[in-house]
C-alpha atoms as a PDB file:
ATOM      1  CA  UNK A   1       1.067   6.901  22.702  1.00  0.00           C
ATOM      2  CA  UNK A   2      -1.709   9.454  22.478  1.00  0.00           C
ATOM      3  CA  UNK A   3      -5.261   8.471  21.636  1.00  0.00           C
ATOM      4  CA  UNK A   4      -5.831   7.896  17.903  1.00  0.00           C
ATOM      5  CA  UNK A   5      -6.991  10.868  15.835  1.00  0.00           C
ATOM      6  CA  UNK A   6      -9.852   9.862  13.518  1.00  0.00           C
ATOM      7  CA  UNK A   7      -9.694  12.889  11.215  1.00  0.00           C
ATOM      8  CA  UNK A   8      -6.127  12.403  10.084  1.00  0.00           C
ATOM      9  CA  UNK A   9      -4.155   9.745   8.278  1.00  0.00           C
ATOM     10  CA  UNK A  10      -0.832   8.103   8.890  1.00  0.00           C
ATOM     11  CA  UNK A  11       0.522   7.508   5.399  1.00  0.00           C
ATOM     12  CA  UNK A  12       3.105   4.734   5.646  1.00  0.00           C
ATOM     13  CA  UNK A  13       5.481   4.269   2.712  1.00  0.00           C
ATOM     14  CA  UNK A  14       7.974   1.368   2.832  1.00  0.00           C
ATOM     15  CA  UNK A  15      11.026   2.040   0.676  1.00  0.00           C
ATOM     16  CA  UNK A  16      14.176   0.368  -0.560  1.00  0.00           C
ATOM     17  CA  UNK A  17      16.255   2.276  -3.132  1.00  0.00           C
ATOM     18  CA  UNK A  18      13.329   4.390  -4.347  1.00  0.00           C
ATOM     19  CA  UNK A  19      15.227   7.635  -5.003  1.00  0.00           C
ATOM     20  CA  UNK A  20      13.624   8.322  -8.423  1.00  0.00           C
ATOM     21  CA  UNK A  21      10.070   7.795  -7.119  1.00  0.00           C
ATOM     22  CA  UNK A  22       9.929   9.017  -3.542  1.00  0.00           C
ATOM     23  CA  UNK A  23      10.501  12.722  -4.215  1.00  0.00           C
ATOM     24  CA  UNK A  24       7.591  13.234  -6.646  1.00  0.00           C
ATOM     25  CA  UNK A  25       5.247  11.279  -4.345  1.00  0.00           C
ATOM     26  CA  UNK A  26       6.178  13.320  -1.275  1.00  0.00           C
ATOM     27  CA  UNK A  27       5.713  16.550  -3.202  1.00  0.00           C
ATOM     28  CA  UNK A  28       2.175  15.403  -4.056  1.00  0.00           C
ATOM     29  CA  UNK A  29       1.588  14.573  -0.389  1.00  0.00           C
ATOM     30  CA  UNK A  30       2.750  17.980   0.873  1.00  0.00           C
ATOM     31  CA  UNK A  31      -0.825  19.300   1.056  1.00  0.00           C
ATOM     32  CA  UNK A  32      -1.860  16.202   3.016  1.00  0.00           C
ATOM     33  CA  UNK A  33       0.881  16.894   5.561  1.00  0.00           C
ATOM     34  CA  UNK A  34      -0.298  20.502   5.765  1.00  0.00           C
ATOM     35  CA  UNK A  35      -3.785  19.186   6.578  1.00  0.00           C
ATOM     36  CA  UNK A  36      -2.413  17.300   9.586  1.00  0.00           C
ATOM     37  CA  UNK A  37      -1.541  13.899   8.181  1.00  0.00           C
ATOM     38  CA  UNK A  38       1.674  12.149   9.153  1.00  0.00           C
ATOM     39  CA  UNK A  39       3.886  11.024   6.275  1.00  0.00           C
ATOM     40  CA  UNK A  40       6.104   8.173   7.425  1.00  0.00           C
ATOM     41  CA  UNK A  41       8.785   6.777   5.130  1.00  0.00           C
ATOM     42  CA  UNK A  42      10.228   3.524   6.452  1.00  0.00           C
ATOM     43  CA  UNK A  43      13.559   2.611   4.931  1.00  0.00           C
ATOM     44  CA  UNK A  44      14.709  -0.986   4.742  1.00  0.00           C
ATOM     45  CA  UNK A  45      18.379  -0.229   4.095  1.00  0.00           C
ATOM     46  CA  UNK A  46      18.595   1.898   0.948  1.00  0.00           C
ATOM     47  CA  UNK A  47      22.058   2.624  -0.422  1.00  0.00           C
ATOM     48  CA  UNK A  48      20.915   5.403  -2.756  1.00  0.00           C
ATOM     49  CA  UNK A  49      19.542   8.889  -2.000  1.00  0.00           C
ATOM     50  CA  UNK A  50      16.096   7.716  -0.869  1.00  0.00           C
ATOM     51  CA  UNK A  51      16.490   8.703   2.783  1.00  0.00           C
ATOM     52  CA  UNK A  52      18.052  12.095   2.023  1.00  0.00           C
ATOM     53  CA  UNK A  53      15.273  12.960  -0.430  1.00  0.00           C
ATOM     54  CA  UNK A  54      12.551  11.895   2.016  1.00  0.00           C
ATOM     55  CA  UNK A  55      14.075  14.016   4.779  1.00  0.00           C
ATOM     56  CA  UNK A  56      14.399  17.012   2.464  1.00  0.00           C
ATOM     57  CA  UNK A  57      10.696  16.672   1.605  1.00  0.00           C
ATOM     58  CA  UNK A  58       9.715  16.829   5.279  1.00  0.00           C
ATOM     59  CA  UNK A  59       8.677  13.211   5.800  1.00  0.00           C
ATOM     60  CA  UNK A  60       9.231  11.407   9.071  1.00  0.00           C
ATOM     61  CA  UNK A  61      11.900   8.839   8.211  1.00  0.00           C
ATOM     62  CA  UNK A  62      12.341   5.599  10.124  1.00  0.00           C
ATOM     63  CA  UNK A  63      14.846   2.773   9.743  1.00  0.00           C
ATOM     64  CA  UNK A  64      13.607  -0.797   9.913  1.00  0.00           C
ATOM     65  CA  UNK A  65      14.660  -4.340   9.221  1.00  0.00           C
ATOM     66  CA  UNK A  66      14.228  -5.022   5.520  1.00  0.00           C
ATOM     67  CA  UNK A  67      10.899  -6.484   4.450  1.00  0.00           C
ATOM     68  CA  UNK A  68       7.788  -4.618   3.407  1.00  0.00           C
ATOM     69  CA  UNK A  69       5.649  -6.146   6.172  1.00  0.00           C
ATOM     70  CA  UNK A  70       8.141  -5.279   8.914  1.00  0.00           C
ATOM     71  CA  UNK A  71       8.609  -1.790   7.521  1.00  0.00           C
ATOM     72  CA  UNK A  72       4.873  -1.100   7.394  1.00  0.00           C
ATOM     73  CA  UNK A  73       4.376  -2.378  10.933  1.00  0.00           C
ATOM     74  CA  UNK A  74       7.169  -0.072  12.122  1.00  0.00           C
ATOM     75  CA  UNK A  75       5.516   2.876  10.401  1.00  0.00           C
ATOM     76  CA  UNK A  76       2.111   2.067  11.860  1.00  0.00           C
ATOM     77  CA  UNK A  77       3.581   1.883  15.353  1.00  0.00           C
ATOM     78  CA  UNK A  78       5.104   5.342  15.019  1.00  0.00           C
ATOM     79  CA  UNK A  79       1.838   7.292  14.616  1.00  0.00           C
ATOM     80  CA  UNK A  80      -1.293   7.951  16.655  1.00  0.00           C
ATOM     81  CA  UNK A  81      -3.511   8.563  13.630  1.00  0.00           C
ATOM     82  CA  UNK A  82      -6.833   6.768  13.689  1.00  0.00           C
ATOM     83  CA  UNK A  83      -6.555   5.615  10.068  1.00  0.00           C
ATOM     84  CA  UNK A  84      -3.476   4.241   8.341  1.00  0.00           C
ATOM     85  CA  UNK A  85      -2.911   4.257   4.601  1.00  0.00           C
ATOM     86  CA  UNK A  86      -0.181   1.994   3.250  1.00  0.00           C
ATOM     87  CA  UNK A  87       1.240   3.371   0.035  1.00  0.00           C
ATOM     88  CA  UNK A  88       3.848   2.195  -2.452  1.00  0.00           C
ATOM     89  CA  UNK A  89       6.629   4.642  -3.287  1.00  0.00           C
ATOM     90  CA  UNK A  90       5.864   4.510  -7.016  1.00  0.00           C
ATOM     91  CA  UNK A  91       2.268   5.679  -6.498  1.00  0.00           C
ATOM     92  CA  UNK A  92       0.723   8.966  -7.621  1.00  0.00           C
ATOM     93  CA  UNK A  93      -2.088  10.449  -5.562  1.00  0.00           C
ATOM     94  CA  UNK A  94      -5.038  12.551  -6.674  1.00  0.00           C
ATOM     95  CA  UNK A  95      -6.494  15.439  -4.697  1.00  0.00           C
ATOM     96  CA  UNK A  96      -9.749  13.636  -3.874  1.00  0.00           C
ATOM     97  CA  UNK A  97      -8.262  10.511  -2.327  1.00  0.00           C
ATOM     98  CA  UNK A  98      -7.779  11.942   1.163  1.00  0.00           C
ATOM     99  CA  UNK A  99     -11.373  13.085   1.426  1.00  0.00           C
ATOM    100  CA  UNK A 100     -12.625   9.784  -0.005  1.00  0.00           C
ATOM    101  CA  UNK A 101     -10.731   7.702   2.542  1.00  0.00           C
ATOM    102  CA  UNK A 102     -11.675   9.824   5.545  1.00  0.00           C
ATOM    103  CA  UNK A 103     -15.308  10.056   4.409  1.00  0.00           C
ATOM    104  CA  UNK A 104     -15.512   6.283   4.021  1.00  0.00           C
ATOM    105  CA  UNK A 105     -14.118   5.745   7.524  1.00  0.00           C
ATOM    106  CA  UNK A 106     -16.406   8.410   8.989  1.00  0.00           C
ATOM    107  CA  UNK A 107     -19.338   6.535   7.427  1.00  0.00           C
ATOM    108  CA  UNK A 108     -18.303   3.306   9.127  1.00  0.00           C
ATOM    109  CA  UNK A 109     -15.744   1.671   6.843  1.00  0.00           C
ATOM    110  CA  UNK A 110     -13.076  -0.117   8.865  1.00  0.00           C
ATOM    111  CA  UNK A 111     -10.765  -0.930   5.995  1.00  0.00           C
ATOM    112  CA  UNK A 112     -10.623  -0.779   2.224  1.00  0.00           C
ATOM    113  CA  UNK A 113      -8.650   0.119  -0.847  1.00  0.00           C
ATOM    114  CA  UNK A 114      -8.738   2.353  -3.925  1.00  0.00           C
ATOM    115  CA  UNK A 115      -9.407   1.492  -7.521  1.00  0.00           C
ATOM    116  CA  UNK A 116      -6.077   1.425  -9.324  1.00  0.00           C
ATOM    117  CA  UNK A 117      -4.885   3.139 -12.477  1.00  0.00           C
ATOM    118  CA  UNK A 118      -1.600   2.242 -14.196  1.00  0.00           C
ATOM    119  CA  UNK A 119       0.524   5.116 -15.484  1.00  0.00           C
ATOM    120  CA  UNK A 120       0.923   3.837 -19.033  1.00  0.00           C
ATOM    121  CA  UNK A 121      -1.200   4.895 -22.007  1.00  0.00           C
ATOM    122  CA  UNK A 122      -1.062   1.507 -23.750  1.00  0.00           C
ATOM    123  CA  UNK A 123      -4.623   0.115 -24.114  1.00  0.00           C
ATOM    124  CA  UNK A 124      -3.634  -3.209 -22.540  1.00  0.00           C
ATOM    125  CA  UNK A 125      -3.195  -1.461 -19.213  1.00  0.00           C
ATOM    126  CA  UNK A 126      -6.825  -0.322 -19.228  1.00  0.00           C
ATOM    127  CA  UNK A 127      -7.770  -4.010 -19.378  1.00  0.00           C
ATOM    128  CA  UNK A 128      -5.313  -4.902 -16.623  1.00  0.00           C
ATOM    129  CA  UNK A 129      -6.728  -2.130 -14.421  1.00  0.00           C
ATOM    130  CA  UNK A 130     -10.302  -3.273 -15.000  1.00  0.00           C
ATOM    131  CA  UNK A 131      -9.437  -6.870 -14.156  1.00  0.00           C
ATOM    132  CA  UNK A 132      -7.510  -5.875 -11.017  1.00  0.00           C
ATOM    133  CA  UNK A 133     -10.370  -3.726  -9.720  1.00  0.00           C
ATOM    134  CA  UNK A 134     -13.031  -6.294 -10.583  1.00  0.00           C
ATOM    135  CA  UNK A 135     -11.047  -9.111  -8.974  1.00  0.00           C
ATOM    136  CA  UNK A 136     -10.640  -7.085  -5.801  1.00  0.00           C
ATOM    137  CA  UNK A 137     -14.362  -6.280  -5.597  1.00  0.00           C
ATOM    138  CA  UNK A 138     -15.263  -9.921  -6.180  1.00  0.00           C
ATOM    139  CA  UNK A 139     -12.807 -11.490  -3.730  1.00  0.00           C
ATOM    140  CA  UNK A 140     -12.559  -8.742  -1.105  1.00  0.00           C
ATOM    141  CA  UNK A 141      -8.770  -8.917  -1.341  1.00  0.00           C
ATOM    142  CA  UNK A 142      -6.548  -5.841  -1.736  1.00  0.00           C
ATOM    143  CA  UNK A 143      -2.986  -5.630  -3.033  1.00  0.00           C
ATOM    144  CA  UNK A 144      -0.409  -3.100  -1.932  1.00  0.00           C
ATOM    145  CA  UNK A 145      -0.568  -1.073  -5.127  1.00  0.00           C
ATOM    146  CA  UNK A 146      -4.277  -0.439  -4.457  1.00  0.00           C
ATOM    147  CA  UNK A 147      -3.492   1.648  -1.372  1.00  0.00           C
ATOM    148  CA  UNK A 148      -4.886  -0.387   1.507  1.00  0.00           C
ATOM    149  CA  UNK A 149      -6.311   1.743   4.337  1.00  0.00           C
ATOM    150  CA  UNK A 150      -7.420   0.491   7.746  1.00  0.00           C
ATOM    151  CA  UNK A 151      -8.507   1.913  11.077  1.00  0.00           C
ATOM    152  CA  UNK A 152      -6.009   1.546  13.878  1.00  0.00           C
ATOM    153  CA  UNK A 153      -8.548  -0.352  15.972  1.00  0.00           C
ATOM    154  CA  UNK A 154      -8.964  -3.030  13.302  1.00  0.00           C
ATOM    155  CA  UNK A 155      -5.277  -3.129  12.378  1.00  0.00           C
ATOM    156  CA  UNK A 156      -4.359  -3.735  16.004  1.00  0.00           C
ATOM    157  CA  UNK A 157      -7.140  -6.303  16.378  1.00  0.00           C
ATOM    158  CA  UNK A 158      -5.613  -8.536  13.695  1.00  0.00           C
ATOM    159  CA  UNK A 159      -2.042  -7.977  14.827  1.00  0.00           C
ATOM    160  CA  UNK A 160      -0.849  -5.948  11.837  1.00  0.00           C
ATOM    161  CA  UNK A 161       1.071  -7.429   8.940  1.00  0.00           C
ATOM    162  CA  UNK A 162       2.465 -10.912   9.322  1.00  0.00           C
ATOM    163  CA  UNK A 163       6.265 -10.918   8.747  1.00  0.00           C
ATOM    164  CA  UNK A 164       6.008 -12.555   5.342  1.00  0.00           C
ATOM    165  CA  UNK A 165       8.483 -11.968   2.480  1.00  0.00           C
ATOM    166  CA  UNK A 166       5.606 -11.852  -0.036  1.00  0.00           C
ATOM    167  CA  UNK A 167       1.782 -11.869   0.008  1.00  0.00           C
ATOM    168  CA  UNK A 168       1.694  -9.788   3.179  1.00  0.00           C
ATOM    169  CA  UNK A 169      -1.061  -7.659   1.633  1.00  0.00           C
ATOM    170  CA  UNK A 170      -3.234 -10.631   0.651  1.00  0.00           C
ATOM    171  CA  UNK A 171      -2.691 -12.224   4.063  1.00  0.00           C
ATOM    172  CA  UNK A 172      -3.735  -9.034   5.863  1.00  0.00           C
ATOM    173  CA  UNK A 173      -6.774  -8.632   3.601  1.00  0.00           C
ATOM    174  CA  UNK A 174      -7.879 -12.164   4.422  1.00  0.00           C
ATOM    175  CA  UNK A 175      -7.634 -11.568   8.172  1.00  0.00           C
ATOM    176  CA  UNK A 176      -9.336  -8.178   7.974  1.00  0.00           C
ATOM    177  CA  UNK A 177     -12.157  -9.624   5.877  1.00  0.00           C
ATOM    178  CA  UNK A 178     -12.997 -12.044   8.689  1.00  0.00           C
ATOM    179  CA  UNK A 179     -13.942  -9.036  10.831  1.00  0.00           C
ATOM    180  CA  UNK A 180     -15.275  -6.469   8.349  1.00  0.00           C
ATOM    181  CA  UNK A 181     -16.163  -6.109   4.695  1.00  0.00           C
ATOM    182  CA  UNK A 182     -13.719  -3.994   2.671  1.00  0.00           C
ATOM    183  CA  UNK A 183     -14.801  -0.629   1.307  1.00  0.00           C
ATOM    184  CA  UNK A 184     -13.789  -0.474  -2.373  1.00  0.00           C
ATOM    185  CA  UNK A 185     -13.330   3.163  -3.288  1.00  0.00           C
ATOM    186  CA  UNK A 186     -14.025   4.270  -6.858  1.00  0.00           C
ATOM    187  CA  UNK A 187     -11.428   7.017  -6.388  1.00  0.00           C
ATOM    188  CA  UNK A 188      -8.313   6.034  -8.325  1.00  0.00           C
ATOM    189  CA  UNK A 189      -4.765   5.615  -7.092  1.00  0.00           C
ATOM    190  CA  UNK A 190      -2.172   5.626  -9.852  1.00  0.00           C
ATOM    191  CA  UNK A 191       0.594   3.034  -9.748  1.00  0.00           C
ATOM    192  CA  UNK A 192       3.653   2.563 -11.909  1.00  0.00           C
ATOM    193  CA  UNK A 193       3.751   0.235 -14.907  1.00  0.00           C
ATOM    194  CA  UNK A 194       7.431  -0.511 -14.274  1.00  0.00           C
ATOM    195  CA  UNK A 195       6.803  -4.038 -13.020  1.00  0.00           C
ATOM    196  CA  UNK A 196       4.952  -5.003 -16.190  1.00  0.00           C
ATOM    197  CA  UNK A 197       7.401  -3.165 -18.440  1.00  0.00           C
ATOM    198  CA  UNK A 198      10.494  -4.620 -16.771  1.00  0.00           C
ATOM    199  CA  UNK A 199       9.351  -8.229 -16.568  1.00  0.00           C
ATOM    200  CA  UNK A 200       7.061  -8.283 -19.591  1.00  0.00           C
ATOM    201  CA  UNK A 201       3.304  -7.757 -19.551  1.00  0.00           C
ATOM    202  CA  UNK A 202       2.130 -11.314 -20.221  1.00  0.00           C
ATOM    203  CA  UNK A 203       4.828 -12.867 -18.048  1.00  0.00           C
ATOM    204  CA  UNK A 204       3.958 -10.590 -15.128  1.00  0.00           C
ATOM    205  CA  UNK A 205       0.228 -11.303 -15.350  1.00  0.00           C
ATOM    206  CA  UNK A 206       0.789 -15.062 -15.467  1.00  0.00           C
ATOM    207  CA  UNK A 207       3.345 -14.913 -12.656  1.00  0.00           C
ATOM    208  CA  UNK A 208       1.068 -12.951 -10.320  1.00  0.00           C
ATOM    209  CA  UNK A 209      -1.890 -15.238 -10.924  1.00  0.00           C
ATOM    210  CA  UNK A 210       0.332 -18.292 -10.395  1.00  0.00           C
ATOM    211  CA  UNK A 211       1.698 -16.875  -7.146  1.00  0.00           C
ATOM    212  CA  UNK A 212      -1.777 -16.154  -5.795  1.00  0.00           C
ATOM    213  CA  UNK A 213      -3.016 -19.613  -6.749  1.00  0.00           C
ATOM    214  CA  UNK A 214      -0.001 -21.229  -5.114  1.00  0.00           C
ATOM    215  CA  UNK A 215      -0.536 -19.103  -1.987  1.00  0.00           C
ATOM    216  CA  UNK A 216      -4.159 -20.221  -1.674  1.00  0.00           C
ATOM    217  CA  UNK A 217      -2.973 -23.817  -2.152  1.00  0.00           C
ATOM    218  CA  UNK A 218      -0.658 -23.472   0.817  1.00  0.00           C
ATOM    219  CA  UNK A 219       2.753 -22.885  -0.740  1.00  0.00           C
ATOM    220  CA  UNK A 220       4.899 -21.041   1.845  1.00  0.00           C
ATOM    221  CA  UNK A 221       5.492 -17.334   1.253  1.00  0.00           C
ATOM    222  CA  UNK A 222       9.268 -17.799   1.397  1.00  0.00           C
ATOM    223  CA  UNK A 223       9.151 -20.139  -1.585  1.00  0.00           C
ATOM    224  CA  UNK A 224       6.837 -17.752  -3.456  1.00  0.00           C
ATOM    225  CA  UNK A 225       9.271 -14.911  -2.807  1.00  0.00           C
ATOM    226  CA  UNK A 226      12.040 -17.001  -4.378  1.00  0.00           C
ATOM    227  CA  UNK A 227       9.868 -17.586  -7.444  1.00  0.00           C
ATOM    228  CA  UNK A 228       9.021 -13.881  -7.638  1.00  0.00           C
ATOM    229  CA  UNK A 229      12.684 -12.869  -7.677  1.00  0.00           C
END
């Protein structure tokens, strides 16, 4: 593999049956690809039009064993970019995020995440956003919907994502934090409210807090994944 390029990003998007979401995201990322970034969509076995849409939008499409951690590791291995940005398919990106990430890394940041915004106008989501961003700044932990970015050097140093069925983002954050402080960008990444709307707002909040508490208490990720389903 060629030497890492520090002025470009590898944007790694793990997908599984994300046909409604992946097209709009890749359209937003078209200008990033024109600037030299690599857009890598890693499919875990979709049986809808996800792969066809991603290919039509010009993304590099890889096949991988199912599992977000495995898919993101496969995407990271496929690029020589010096900085990797792991993005959920239901995200929406703003024009300033690319510059914010690259500027942070140029200034010495080795990993970090974005502030999050939820794409629902209900006032309760402004509170949820504020709590998510504050929690992340306080604990130094980043979740996948906050757009975790990391230099290749640091990602390789910690061995990438552990092959966990859940909490792979929290686990990686914990290992990264042992080597470097996270850079918490004020620039906002928009994520979908579908999880809260589908499962119920209060139920989802309580479930996520319970899962994190159980994780820190040593409950295996496989059992947490069963609870999450």
